[in-house]
């Protein structure tokens, strides 16, 4: 009797990489921006693993990504939401609802 693995957001890795690139940061700089360090067991390879989808970031890491991008955590983990085109978002964004079928919205409305 085993437990089924919990579902993982399919687009999380893509969104984390997008946040870092939109902020113009290297993986080392992102680690510093998140306020995380090797003392906490996080390295540049951790950021790389999150962005490749081979590692699952802990909740405090997701929270710091959201704060750096000025988006809600929901915008990162909900596959039905896109990140705003411009990061860090101003004002804070809850994400942009995707159209059904995986198409990106054309001029879609922001959720508030």
PDB file of N, CA and C in Angstrom:
ATOM      1  N   UNK A   1       0.831  -1.181   0.000  1.00  0.00           N
ATOM      2  CA  UNK A   1       0.000   0.000   0.000  1.00  0.00           C
ATOM      3  C   UNK A   1       0.872   1.239   0.000  1.00  0.00           C
ATOM      4  N   UNK A   2       0.923   1.890  -1.103  1.00  0.00           N
ATOM      5  CA  UNK A   2       1.676   3.131  -1.190  1.00  0.00           C
ATOM      6  C   UNK A   2       0.747   4.303  -1.432  1.00  0.00           C
ATOM      7  N   UNK A   3       1.305   5.434  -1.255  1.00  0.00           N
ATOM      8  CA  UNK A   3       0.532   6.650  -1.528  1.00  0.00           C
ATOM      9  C   UNK A   3       0.827   7.109  -2.936  1.00  0.00           C
ATOM     10  N   UNK A   4      -0.176   7.581  -3.587  1.00  0.00           N
ATOM     11  CA  UNK A   4       0.011   8.138  -4.929  1.00  0.00           C
ATOM     12  C   UNK A   4       0.761   9.455  -4.792  1.00  0.00           C
ATOM     13  N   UNK A   5       1.671   9.750  -5.724  1.00  0.00           N
ATOM     14  CA  UNK A   5       2.367  11.041  -5.645  1.00  0.00           C
ATOM     15  C   UNK A   5       1.378  12.185  -5.838  1.00  0.00           C
ATOM     16  N   UNK A   6       1.660  13.282  -5.161  1.00  0.00           N
ATOM     17  CA  UNK A   6       0.750  14.413  -5.306  1.00  0.00           C
ATOM     18  C   UNK A   6       0.942  15.037  -6.684  1.00  0.00           C
ATOM     19  N   UNK A   7      -0.119  15.577  -7.242  1.00  0.00           N
ATOM     20  CA  UNK A   7      -0.010  16.190  -8.570  1.00  0.00           C
ATOM     21  C   UNK A   7       0.920  17.401  -8.532  1.00  0.00           C
ATOM     22  N   UNK A   8       1.662  17.574  -9.597  1.00  0.00           N
ATOM     23  CA  UNK A   8       2.579  18.703  -9.707  1.00  0.00           C
ATOM     24  C   UNK A   8       2.118  19.616 -10.832  1.00  0.00           C
ATOM     25  N   UNK A   9       2.252  20.921 -10.654  1.00  0.00           N
ATOM     26  CA  UNK A   9       1.893  21.849 -11.732  1.00  0.00           C
ATOM     27  C   UNK A   9       2.781  21.600 -12.953  1.00  0.00           C
ATOM     28  N   UNK A  10       2.174  21.434 -14.103  1.00  0.00           N
ATOM     29  CA  UNK A  10       2.916  21.134 -15.327  1.00  0.00           C
ATOM     30  C   UNK A  10       3.770  22.303 -15.803  1.00  0.00           C
ATOM     31  N   UNK A  11       3.365  23.524 -15.492  1.00  0.00           N
ATOM     32  CA  UNK A  11       4.050  24.707 -16.025  1.00  0.00           C
ATOM     33  C   UNK A  11       4.928  25.421 -14.998  1.00  0.00           C
ATOM     34  N   UNK A  12       5.084  24.849 -13.813  1.00  0.00           N
ATOM     35  CA  UNK A  12       5.824  25.530 -12.758  1.00  0.00           C
ATOM     36  C   UNK A  12       7.262  25.819 -13.168  1.00  0.00           C
ATOM     37  N   UNK A  13       7.957  24.831 -13.702  1.00  0.00           N
ATOM     38  CA  UNK A  13       9.361  25.025 -14.090  1.00  0.00           C
ATOM     39  C   UNK A  13       9.489  26.167 -15.101  1.00  0.00           C
ATOM     40  N   UNK A  14       8.628  26.167 -16.089  1.00  0.00           N
ATOM     41  CA  UNK A  14       8.619  27.217 -17.116  1.00  0.00           C
ATOM     42  C   UNK A  14       8.400  28.597 -16.482  1.00  0.00           C
ATOM     43  N   UNK A  15       7.483  28.679 -15.543  1.00  0.00           N
ATOM     44  CA  UNK A  15       7.181  29.962 -14.912  1.00  0.00           C
ATOM     45  C   UNK A  15       8.336  30.449 -14.040  1.00  0.00           C
ATOM     46  N   UNK A  16       8.988  29.530 -13.316  1.00  0.00           N
ATOM     47  CA  UNK A  16      10.114  29.936 -12.475  1.00  0.00           C
ATOM     48  C   UNK A  16      11.264  30.453 -13.331  1.00  0.00           C
ATOM     49  N   UNK A  17      11.530  29.786 -14.442  1.00  0.00           N
ATOM     50  CA  UNK A  17      12.582  30.255 -15.351  1.00  0.00           C
ATOM     51  C   UNK A  17      12.199  31.614 -15.938  1.00  0.00           C
ATOM     52  N   UNK A  18      10.932  31.783 -16.276  1.00  0.00           N
ATOM     53  CA  UNK A  18      10.461  33.057 -16.826  1.00  0.00           C
ATOM     54  C   UNK A  18      10.659  34.191 -15.825  1.00  0.00           C
ATOM     55  N   UNK A  19      10.348  33.934 -14.560  1.00  0.00           N
ATOM     56  CA  UNK A  19      10.522  34.958 -13.525  1.00  0.00           C
ATOM     57  C   UNK A  19      11.979  35.383 -13.464  1.00  0.00           C
ATOM     58  N   UNK A  20      12.883  34.422 -13.361  1.00  0.00           N
ATOM     59  CA  UNK A  20      14.305  34.747 -13.244  1.00  0.00           C
ATOM     60  C   UNK A  20      14.797  35.520 -14.465  1.00  0.00           C
ATOM     61  N   UNK A  21      14.436  35.047 -15.645  1.00  0.00           N
ATOM     62  CA  UNK A  21      14.888  35.717 -16.873  1.00  0.00           C
ATOM     63  C   UNK A  21      14.282  37.110 -17.010  1.00  0.00           C
ATOM     64  N   UNK A  22      13.015  37.260 -16.644  1.00  0.00           N
ATOM     65  CA  UNK A  22      12.365  38.570 -16.730  1.00  0.00           C
ATOM     66  C   UNK A  22      13.009  39.574 -15.774  1.00  0.00           C
ATOM     67  N   UNK A  23      13.523  39.081 -14.656  1.00  0.00           N
ATOM     68  CA  UNK A  23      14.201  39.951 -13.703  1.00  0.00           C
ATOM     69  C   UNK A  23      15.660  40.191 -14.094  1.00  0.00           C
ATOM     70  N   UNK A  24      16.115  39.499 -15.145  1.00  0.00           N
ATOM     71  CA  UNK A  24      17.487  39.682 -15.638  1.00  0.00           C
ATOM     72  C   UNK A  24      18.548  39.154 -14.686  1.00  0.00           C
ATOM     73  N   UNK A  25      18.243  38.047 -14.019  1.00  0.00           N
ATOM     74  CA  UNK A  25      19.153  37.522 -13.009  1.00  0.00           C
ATOM     75  C   UNK A  25      19.764  36.189 -13.424  1.00  0.00           C
ATOM     76  N   UNK A  26      21.026  35.976 -13.005  1.00  0.00           N
ATOM     77  CA  UNK A  26      21.635  34.659 -13.143  1.00  0.00           C
ATOM     78  C   UNK A  26      21.062  33.764 -12.045  1.00  0.00           C
ATOM     79  N   UNK A  27      21.372  32.479 -12.091  1.00  0.00           N
ATOM     80  CA  UNK A  27      20.873  31.586 -11.051  1.00  0.00           C
ATOM     81  C   UNK A  27      21.447  31.961  -9.688  1.00  0.00           C
ATOM     82  N   UNK A  28      22.724  32.332  -9.631  1.00  0.00           N
ATOM     83  CA  UNK A  28      23.323  32.778  -8.368  1.00  0.00           C
ATOM     84  C   UNK A  28      22.642  34.052  -7.862  1.00  0.00           C
ATOM     85  N   UNK A  29      22.393  34.987  -8.780  1.00  0.00           N
ATOM     86  CA  UNK A  29      21.731  36.237  -8.397  1.00  0.00           C
ATOM     87  C   UNK A  29      20.302  35.978  -7.924  1.00  0.00           C
ATOM     88  N   UNK A  30      19.623  35.004  -8.556  1.00  0.00           N
ATOM     89  CA  UNK A  30      18.261  34.673  -8.137  1.00  0.00           C
ATOM     90  C   UNK A  30      18.276  34.106  -6.732  1.00  0.00           C
ATOM     91  N   UNK A  31      19.248  33.267  -6.445  1.00  0.00           N
ATOM     92  CA  UNK A  31      19.385  32.697  -5.108  1.00  0.00           C
ATOM     93  C   UNK A  31      19.533  33.814  -4.077  1.00  0.00           C
ATOM     94  N   UNK A  32      20.372  34.791  -4.397  1.00  0.00           N
ATOM     95  CA  UNK A  32      20.563  35.937  -3.492  1.00  0.00           C
ATOM     96  C   UNK A  32      19.289  36.770  -3.394  1.00  0.00           C
ATOM     97  N   UNK A  33      18.616  37.000  -4.520  1.00  0.00           N
ATOM     98  CA  UNK A  33      17.382  37.796  -4.539  1.00  0.00           C
ATOM     99  C   UNK A  33      16.290  37.152  -3.697  1.00  0.00           C
ATOM    100  N   UNK A  34      16.282  35.821  -3.689  1.00  0.00           N
ATOM    101  CA  UNK A  34      15.293  35.096  -2.905  1.00  0.00           C
ATOM    102  C   UNK A  34      15.635  35.107  -1.423  1.00  0.00           C
ATOM    103  N   UNK A  35      16.842  35.582  -1.096  1.00  0.00           N
ATOM    104  CA  UNK A  35      17.259  35.606   0.293  1.00  0.00           C
ATOM    105  C   UNK A  35      17.614  34.230   0.811  1.00  0.00           C
ATOM    106  N   UNK A  36      18.008  33.351  -0.099  1.00  0.00           N
ATOM    107  CA  UNK A  36      18.330  31.978   0.265  1.00  0.00           C
ATOM    108  C   UNK A  36      19.825  31.759   0.124  1.00  0.00           C
ATOM    109  N   UNK A  37      20.329  30.777   0.831  1.00  0.00           N
ATOM    110  CA  UNK A  37      21.770  30.567   0.801  1.00  0.00           C
ATOM    111  C   UNK A  37      22.113  29.090   0.896  1.00  0.00           C
ATOM    112  N   UNK A  38      23.413  28.817   0.681  1.00  0.00           N
ATOM    113  CA  UNK A  38      23.907  27.451   0.798  1.00  0.00           C
ATOM    114  C   UNK A  38      23.703  26.925   2.214  1.00  0.00           C
ATOM    115  N   UNK A  39      23.733  27.817   3.205  1.00  0.00           N
ATOM    116  CA  UNK A  39      23.520  27.400   4.590  1.00  0.00           C
ATOM    117  C   UNK A  39      22.139  26.769   4.775  1.00  0.00           C
ATOM    118  N   UNK A  40      21.192  27.156   3.928  1.00  0.00           N
ATOM    119  CA  UNK A  40      19.837  26.598   3.991  1.00  0.00           C
ATOM    120  C   UNK A  40      19.695  25.394   3.060  1.00  0.00           C
ATOM    121  N   UNK A  41      20.817  24.954   2.495  1.00  0.00           N
ATOM    122  CA  UNK A  41      20.798  23.782   1.623  1.00  0.00           C
ATOM    123  C   UNK A  41      20.376  24.070   0.200  1.00  0.00           C
ATOM    124  N   UNK A  42      20.374  25.341  -0.199  1.00  0.00           N
ATOM    125  CA  UNK A  42      19.993  25.693  -1.564  1.00  0.00           C
ATOM    126  C   UNK A  42      21.202  26.238  -2.309  1.00  0.00           C
ATOM    127  N   UNK A  43      21.384  25.762  -3.514  1.00  0.00           N
ATOM    128  CA  UNK A  43      22.514  26.138  -4.343  1.00  0.00           C
ATOM    129  C   UNK A  43      22.007  26.547  -5.723  1.00  0.00           C
ATOM    130  N   UNK A  44      22.928  27.027  -6.551  1.00  0.00           N
ATOM    131  CA  UNK A  44      22.562  27.354  -7.930  1.00  0.00           C
ATOM    132  C   UNK A  44      21.954  26.130  -8.600  1.00  0.00           C
ATOM    133  N   UNK A  45      22.475  24.936  -8.274  1.00  0.00           N
ATOM    134  CA  UNK A  45      21.930  23.712  -8.873  1.00  0.00           C
ATOM    135  C   UNK A  45      20.475  23.489  -8.448  1.00  0.00           C
ATOM    136  N   UNK A  46      20.093  24.015  -7.275  1.00  0.00           N
ATOM    137  CA  UNK A  46      18.698  23.919  -6.851  1.00  0.00           C
ATOM    138  C   UNK A  46      17.817  24.729  -7.792  1.00  0.00           C
ATOM    139  N   UNK A  47      18.238  25.966  -8.082  1.00  0.00           N
ATOM    140  CA  UNK A  47      17.482  26.830  -9.003  1.00  0.00           C
ATOM    141  C   UNK A  47      17.384  26.152 -10.364  1.00  0.00           C
ATOM    142  N   UNK A  48      18.482  25.588 -10.832  1.00  0.00           N
ATOM    143  CA  UNK A  48      18.492  24.895 -12.114  1.00  0.00           C
ATOM    144  C   UNK A  48      17.494  23.732 -12.115  1.00  0.00           C
ATOM    145  N   UNK A  49      17.483  22.963 -11.039  1.00  0.00           N
ATOM    146  CA  UNK A  49      16.556  21.836 -10.937  1.00  0.00           C
ATOM    147  C   UNK A  49      15.105  22.273 -10.931  1.00  0.00           C
ATOM    148  N   UNK A  50      14.820  23.386 -10.255  1.00  0.00           N
ATOM    149  CA  UNK A  50      13.447  23.903 -10.243  1.00  0.00           C
ATOM    150  C   UNK A  50      13.028  24.311 -11.655  1.00  0.00           C
ATOM    151  N   UNK A  51      13.950  24.953 -12.373  1.00  0.00           N
ATOM    152  CA  UNK A  51      13.630  25.456 -13.716  1.00  0.00           C
ATOM    153  C   UNK A  51      13.566  24.345 -14.763  1.00  0.00           C
ATOM    154  N   UNK A  52      14.227  23.234 -14.519  1.00  0.00           N
ATOM    155  CA  UNK A  52      14.152  22.093 -15.436  1.00  0.00           C
ATOM    156  C   UNK A  52      13.009  21.145 -15.074  1.00  0.00           C
ATOM    157  N   UNK A  53      12.454  21.330 -13.873  1.00  0.00           N
ATOM    158  CA  UNK A  53      11.372  20.471 -13.433  1.00  0.00           C
ATOM    159  C   UNK A  53      11.843  19.159 -12.836  1.00  0.00           C
ATOM    160  N   UNK A  54      13.129  19.061 -12.526  1.00  0.00           N
ATOM    161  CA  UNK A  54      13.652  17.835 -11.936  1.00  0.00           C
ATOM    162  C   UNK A  54      13.613  17.868 -10.415  1.00  0.00           C
ATOM    163  N   UNK A  55      13.419  19.054  -9.848  1.00  0.00           N
ATOM    164  CA  UNK A  55      13.288  19.215  -8.400  1.00  0.00           C
ATOM    165  C   UNK A  55      12.042  20.040  -8.119  1.00  0.00           C
ATOM    166  N   UNK A  56      11.407  19.745  -7.004  1.00  0.00           N
ATOM    167  CA  UNK A  56      10.220  20.494  -6.606  1.00  0.00           C
ATOM    168  C   UNK A  56      10.622  21.503  -5.529  1.00  0.00           C
ATOM    169  N   UNK A  57      10.378  22.786  -5.777  1.00  0.00           N
ATOM    170  CA  UNK A  57      10.778  23.787  -4.789  1.00  0.00           C
ATOM    171  C   UNK A  57       9.916  23.723  -3.540  1.00  0.00           C
ATOM    172  N   UNK A  58      10.531  23.936  -2.374  1.00  0.00           N
ATOM    173  CA  UNK A  58       9.733  24.007  -1.150  1.00  0.00           C
ATOM    174  C   UNK A  58       8.838  25.249  -1.164  1.00  0.00           C
ATOM    175  N   UNK A  59       7.796  25.222  -0.367  1.00  0.00           N
ATOM    176  CA  UNK A  59       6.848  26.334  -0.335  1.00  0.00           C
ATOM    177  C   UNK A  59       7.502  27.682  -0.037  1.00  0.00           C
ATOM    178  N   UNK A  60       8.457  27.782   0.903  1.00  0.00           N
ATOM    179  CA  UNK A  60       9.089  29.089   1.126  1.00  0.00           C
ATOM    180  C   UNK A  60       9.807  29.624  -0.113  1.00  0.00           C
ATOM    181  N   UNK A  61      10.342  28.741  -0.946  1.00  0.00           N
ATOM    182  CA  UNK A  61      11.000  29.173  -2.181  1.00  0.00           C
ATOM    183  C   UNK A  61       9.959  29.726  -3.147  1.00  0.00           C
ATOM    184  N   UNK A  62       8.822  29.039  -3.284  1.00  0.00           N
ATOM    185  CA  UNK A  62       7.752  29.543  -4.158  1.00  0.00           C
ATOM    186  C   UNK A  62       7.259  30.901  -3.683  1.00  0.00           C
ATOM    187  N   UNK A  63       7.128  31.059  -2.389  1.00  0.00           N
ATOM    188  CA  UNK A  63       6.687  32.327  -1.833  1.00  0.00           C
ATOM    189  C   UNK A  63       7.664  33.446  -2.187  1.00  0.00           C
ATOM    190  N   UNK A  64       8.965  33.182  -2.099  1.00  0.00           N
ATOM    191  CA  UNK A  64       9.960  34.208  -2.425  1.00  0.00           C
ATOM    192  C   UNK A  64      10.001  34.515  -3.921  1.00  0.00           C
ATOM    193  N   UNK A  65       9.793  33.509  -4.770  1.00  0.00           N
ATOM    194  CA  UNK A  65       9.675  33.764  -6.217  1.00  0.00           C
ATOM    195  C   UNK A  65       8.492  34.698  -6.472  1.00  0.00           C
ATOM    196  N   UNK A  66       7.357  34.401  -5.849  1.00  0.00           N
ATOM    197  CA  UNK A  66       6.160  35.221  -6.040  1.00  0.00           C
ATOM    198  C   UNK A  66       6.404  36.653  -5.578  1.00  0.00           C
ATOM    199  N   UNK A  67       7.062  36.803  -4.455  1.00  0.00           N
ATOM    200  CA  UNK A  67       7.357  38.149  -3.955  1.00  0.00           C
ATOM    201  C   UNK A  67       8.301  38.891  -4.889  1.00  0.00           C
ATOM    202  N   UNK A  68       9.312  38.211  -5.410  1.00  0.00           N
ATOM    203  CA  UNK A  68      10.269  38.852  -6.322  1.00  0.00           C
ATOM    204  C   UNK A  68       9.582  39.321  -7.603  1.00  0.00           C
ATOM    205  N   UNK A  69       8.624  38.513  -8.098  1.00  0.00           N
ATOM    206  CA  UNK A  69       7.919  38.843  -9.340  1.00  0.00           C
ATOM    207  C   UNK A  69       6.708  39.732  -9.104  1.00  0.00           C
ATOM    208  N   UNK A  70       6.335  39.908  -7.843  1.00  0.00           N
ATOM    209  CA  UNK A  70       5.158  40.685  -7.464  1.00  0.00           C
ATOM    210  C   UNK A  70       3.891  40.074  -8.077  1.00  0.00           C
ATOM    211  N   UNK A  71       3.800  38.744  -7.916  1.00  0.00           N
ATOM    212  CA  UNK A  71       2.608  38.006  -8.342  1.00  0.00           C
ATOM    213  C   UNK A  71       2.144  37.145  -7.176  1.00  0.00           C
ATOM    214  N   UNK A  72       0.936  36.643  -7.248  1.00  0.00           N
ATOM    215  CA  UNK A  72       0.458  35.736  -6.213  1.00  0.00           C
ATOM    216  C   UNK A  72       1.102  34.367  -6.415  1.00  0.00           C
ATOM    217  N   UNK A  73       1.198  33.599  -5.350  1.00  0.00           N
ATOM    218  CA  UNK A  73       1.716  32.234  -5.454  1.00  0.00           C
ATOM    219  C   UNK A  73       0.820  31.427  -6.390  1.00  0.00           C
ATOM    220  N   UNK A  74      -0.465  31.725  -6.363  1.00  0.00           N
ATOM    221  CA  UNK A  74      -1.411  31.037  -7.244  1.00  0.00           C
ATOM    222  C   UNK A  74      -1.019  31.212  -8.715  1.00  0.00           C
ATOM    223  N   UNK A  75      -0.527  32.378  -9.086  1.00  0.00           N
ATOM    224  CA  UNK A  75      -0.126  32.619 -10.477  1.00  0.00           C
ATOM    225  C   UNK A  75       1.025  31.703 -10.877  1.00  0.00           C
ATOM    226  N   UNK A  76       1.854  31.306  -9.914  1.00  0.00           N
ATOM    227  CA  UNK A  76       2.959  30.398 -10.209  1.00  0.00           C
ATOM    228  C   UNK A  76       2.489  28.952 -10.339  1.00  0.00           C
ATOM    229  N   UNK A  77       1.606  28.529  -9.446  1.00  0.00           N
ATOM    230  CA  UNK A  77       1.285  27.102  -9.386  1.00  0.00           C
ATOM    231  C   UNK A  77       0.048  26.687 -10.173  1.00  0.00           C
ATOM    232  N   UNK A  78      -0.813  27.628 -10.528  1.00  0.00           N
ATOM    233  CA  UNK A  78      -2.030  27.294 -11.273  1.00  0.00           C
ATOM    234  C   UNK A  78      -1.710  27.264 -12.768  1.00  0.00           C
ATOM    235  N   UNK A  79      -1.783  26.063 -13.365  1.00  0.00           N
ATOM    236  CA  UNK A  79      -1.492  25.924 -14.795  1.00  0.00           C
ATOM    237  C   UNK A  79      -2.492  26.670 -15.669  1.00  0.00           C
ATOM    238  N   UNK A  80      -3.636  27.036 -15.114  1.00  0.00           N
ATOM    239  CA  UNK A  80      -4.642  27.783 -15.863  1.00  0.00           C
ATOM    240  C   UNK A  80      -4.393  29.275 -15.880  1.00  0.00           C
ATOM    241  N   UNK A  81      -3.324  29.722 -15.233  1.00  0.00           N
ATOM    242  CA  UNK A  81      -2.979  31.141 -15.205  1.00  0.00           C
ATOM    243  C   UNK A  81      -1.643  31.384 -15.877  1.00  0.00           C
ATOM    244  N   UNK A  82      -1.562  32.461 -16.623  1.00  0.00           N
ATOM    245  CA  UNK A  82      -0.298  32.921 -17.198  1.00  0.00           C
ATOM    246  C   UNK A  82       0.262  34.026 -16.317  1.00  0.00           C
ATOM    247  N   UNK A  83       1.560  34.175 -16.353  1.00  0.00           N
ATOM    248  CA  UNK A  83       2.189  35.306 -15.682  1.00  0.00           C
ATOM    249  C   UNK A  83       1.996  36.546 -16.539  1.00  0.00           C
ATOM    250  N   UNK A  84       1.971  37.713 -15.925  1.00  0.00           N
ATOM    251  CA  UNK A  84       1.877  38.936 -16.728  1.00  0.00           C
ATOM    252  C   UNK A  84       3.110  39.084 -17.617  1.00  0.00           C
ATOM    253  N   UNK A  85       2.971  39.796 -18.698  1.00  0.00           N
ATOM    254  CA  UNK A  85       4.076  39.972 -19.644  1.00  0.00           C
ATOM    255  C   UNK A  85       5.251  40.705 -19.013  1.00  0.00           C
ATOM    256  N   UNK A  86       4.965  41.633 -18.136  1.00  0.00           N
ATOM    257  CA  UNK A  86       6.018  42.445 -17.522  1.00  0.00           C
ATOM    258  C   UNK A  86       6.178  42.070 -16.050  1.00  0.00           C
ATOM    259  N   UNK A  87       7.406  41.702 -15.682  1.00  0.00           N
ATOM    260  CA  UNK A  87       7.723  41.376 -14.294  1.00  0.00           C
ATOM    261  C   UNK A  87       8.885  42.226 -13.825  1.00  0.00           C
ATOM    262  N   UNK A  88       8.941  42.684 -12.577  1.00  0.00           N
ATOM    263  CA  UNK A  88       7.904  42.456 -11.589  1.00  0.00           C
ATOM    264  C   UNK A  88       6.626  43.209 -11.949  1.00  0.00           C
ATOM    265  N   UNK A  89       5.520  42.572 -11.645  1.00  0.00           N
ATOM    266  CA  UNK A  89       4.208  43.129 -11.977  1.00  0.00           C
ATOM    267  C   UNK A  89       3.904  44.339 -11.098  1.00  0.00           C
ATOM    268  N   UNK A  90       3.204  45.283 -11.671  1.00  0.00           N
ATOM    269  CA  UNK A  90       2.765  46.442 -10.908  1.00  0.00           C
ATOM    270  C   UNK A  90       1.405  46.869 -11.444  1.00  0.00           C
ATOM    271  N   UNK A  91       0.371  46.813 -10.673  1.00  0.00           N
ATOM    272  CA  UNK A  91       0.293  46.352  -9.297  1.00  0.00           C
ATOM    273  C   UNK A  91       0.426  44.834  -9.236  1.00  0.00           C
ATOM    274  N   UNK A  92       0.459  44.294  -8.027  1.00  0.00           N
ATOM    275  CA  UNK A  92       0.605  42.853  -7.845  1.00  0.00           C
ATOM    276  C   UNK A  92      -0.450  42.123  -8.663  1.00  0.00           C
ATOM    277  N   UNK A  93      -0.021  41.092  -9.376  1.00  0.00           N
ATOM    278  CA  UNK A  93      -0.915  40.361 -10.270  1.00  0.00           C
ATOM    279  C   UNK A  93      -1.308  39.011  -9.682  1.00  0.00           C
ATOM    280  N   UNK A  94      -2.542  38.639  -9.931  1.00  0.00           N
ATOM    281  CA  UNK A  94      -3.024  37.314  -9.559  1.00  0.00           C
ATOM    282  C   UNK A  94      -2.936  36.363 -10.743  1.00  0.00           C
ATOM    283  N   UNK A  95      -2.327  36.797 -11.835  1.00  0.00           N
ATOM    284  CA  UNK A  95      -2.207  35.975 -13.026  1.00  0.00           C
ATOM    285  C   UNK A  95      -3.280  36.318 -14.039  1.00  0.00           C
ATOM    286  N   UNK A  96      -3.130  35.759 -15.210  1.00  0.00           N
ATOM    287  CA  UNK A  96      -4.055  35.999 -16.316  1.00  0.00           C
ATOM    288  C   UNK A  96      -4.659  34.659 -16.705  1.00  0.00           C
ATOM    289  N   UNK A  97      -5.971  34.551 -16.595  1.00  0.00           N
ATOM    290  CA  UNK A  97      -6.659  33.296 -16.880  1.00  0.00           C
ATOM    291  C   UNK A  97      -6.414  32.880 -18.324  1.00  0.00           C
ATOM    292  N   UNK A  98      -5.995  31.627 -18.514  1.00  0.00           N
ATOM    293  CA  UNK A  98      -5.766  31.079 -19.856  1.00  0.00           C
ATOM    294  C   UNK A  98      -7.092  30.650 -20.465  1.00  0.00           C
ATOM    295  N   UNK A  99      -7.157  30.702 -21.781  1.00  0.00           N
ATOM    296  CA  UNK A  99      -8.335  30.180 -22.470  1.00  0.00           C
ATOM    297  C   UNK A  99      -8.285  28.669 -22.408  1.00  0.00           C
ATOM    298  N   UNK A 100      -9.430  28.033 -22.463  1.00  0.00           N
ATOM    299  CA  UNK A 100      -9.465  26.564 -22.473  1.00  0.00           C
ATOM    300  C   UNK A 100      -8.765  26.059 -23.716  1.00  0.00           C
ATOM    301  N   UNK A 101      -8.168  24.882 -23.590  1.00  0.00           N
ATOM    302  CA  UNK A 101      -7.458  24.300 -24.715  1.00  0.00           C
ATOM    303  C   UNK A 101      -6.001  24.713 -24.747  1.00  0.00           C
ATOM    304  N   UNK A 102      -5.540  25.438 -23.733  1.00  0.00           N
ATOM    305  CA  UNK A 102      -4.141  25.785 -23.615  1.00  0.00           C
ATOM    306  C   UNK A 102      -3.687  26.966 -24.449  1.00  0.00           C
ATOM    307  N   UNK A 103      -4.618  27.608 -25.157  1.00  0.00           N
ATOM    308  CA  UNK A 103      -4.228  28.765 -25.956  1.00  0.00           C
ATOM    309  C   UNK A 103      -3.986  29.952 -25.052  1.00  0.00           C
ATOM    310  N   UNK A 104      -3.022  30.762 -25.416  1.00  0.00           N
ATOM    311  CA  UNK A 104      -2.779  31.979 -24.655  1.00  0.00           C
ATOM    312  C   UNK A 104      -3.847  33.004 -25.001  1.00  0.00           C
ATOM    313  N   UNK A 105      -4.288  33.758 -24.006  1.00  0.00           N
ATOM    314  CA  UNK A 105      -5.316  34.757 -24.287  1.00  0.00           C
ATOM    315  C   UNK A 105      -4.771  35.878 -25.148  1.00  0.00           C
ATOM    316  N   UNK A 106      -5.638  36.412 -25.982  1.00  0.00           N
ATOM    317  CA  UNK A 106      -5.232  37.561 -26.802  1.00  0.00           C
ATOM    318  C   UNK A 106      -5.860  38.790 -26.194  1.00  0.00           C
ATOM    319  N   UNK A 107      -5.046  39.513 -25.419  1.00  0.00           N
ATOM    320  CA  UNK A 107      -5.546  40.707 -24.772  1.00  0.00           C
ATOM    321  C   UNK A 107      -6.524  40.399 -23.651  1.00  0.00           C
ATOM    322  N   UNK A 108      -6.361  39.233 -23.019  1.00  0.00           N
ATOM    323  CA  UNK A 108      -7.265  38.822 -21.968  1.00  0.00           C
ATOM    324  C   UNK A 108      -7.210  39.740 -20.762  1.00  0.00           C
ATOM    325  N   UNK A 109      -8.228  39.620 -19.938  1.00  0.00           N
ATOM    326  CA  UNK A 109      -8.325  40.467 -18.748  1.00  0.00           C
ATOM    327  C   UNK A 109      -7.498  39.879 -17.616  1.00  0.00           C
ATOM    328  N   UNK A 110      -7.015  40.748 -16.763  1.00  0.00           N
ATOM    329  CA  UNK A 110      -6.321  40.307 -15.560  1.00  0.00           C
ATOM    330  C   UNK A 110      -7.350  40.052 -14.479  1.00  0.00           C
ATOM    331  N   UNK A 111      -7.107  38.999 -13.716  1.00  0.00           N
ATOM    332  CA  UNK A 111      -7.982  38.724 -12.571  1.00  0.00           C
ATOM    333  C   UNK A 111      -7.563  39.622 -11.416  1.00  0.00           C
ATOM    334  N   UNK A 112      -8.500  40.066 -10.657  1.00  0.00           N
ATOM    335  CA  UNK A 112      -8.213  40.872  -9.466  1.00  0.00           C
ATOM    336  C   UNK A 112      -8.893  40.283  -8.286  1.00  0.00           C
TER     337      UNK A 112
END
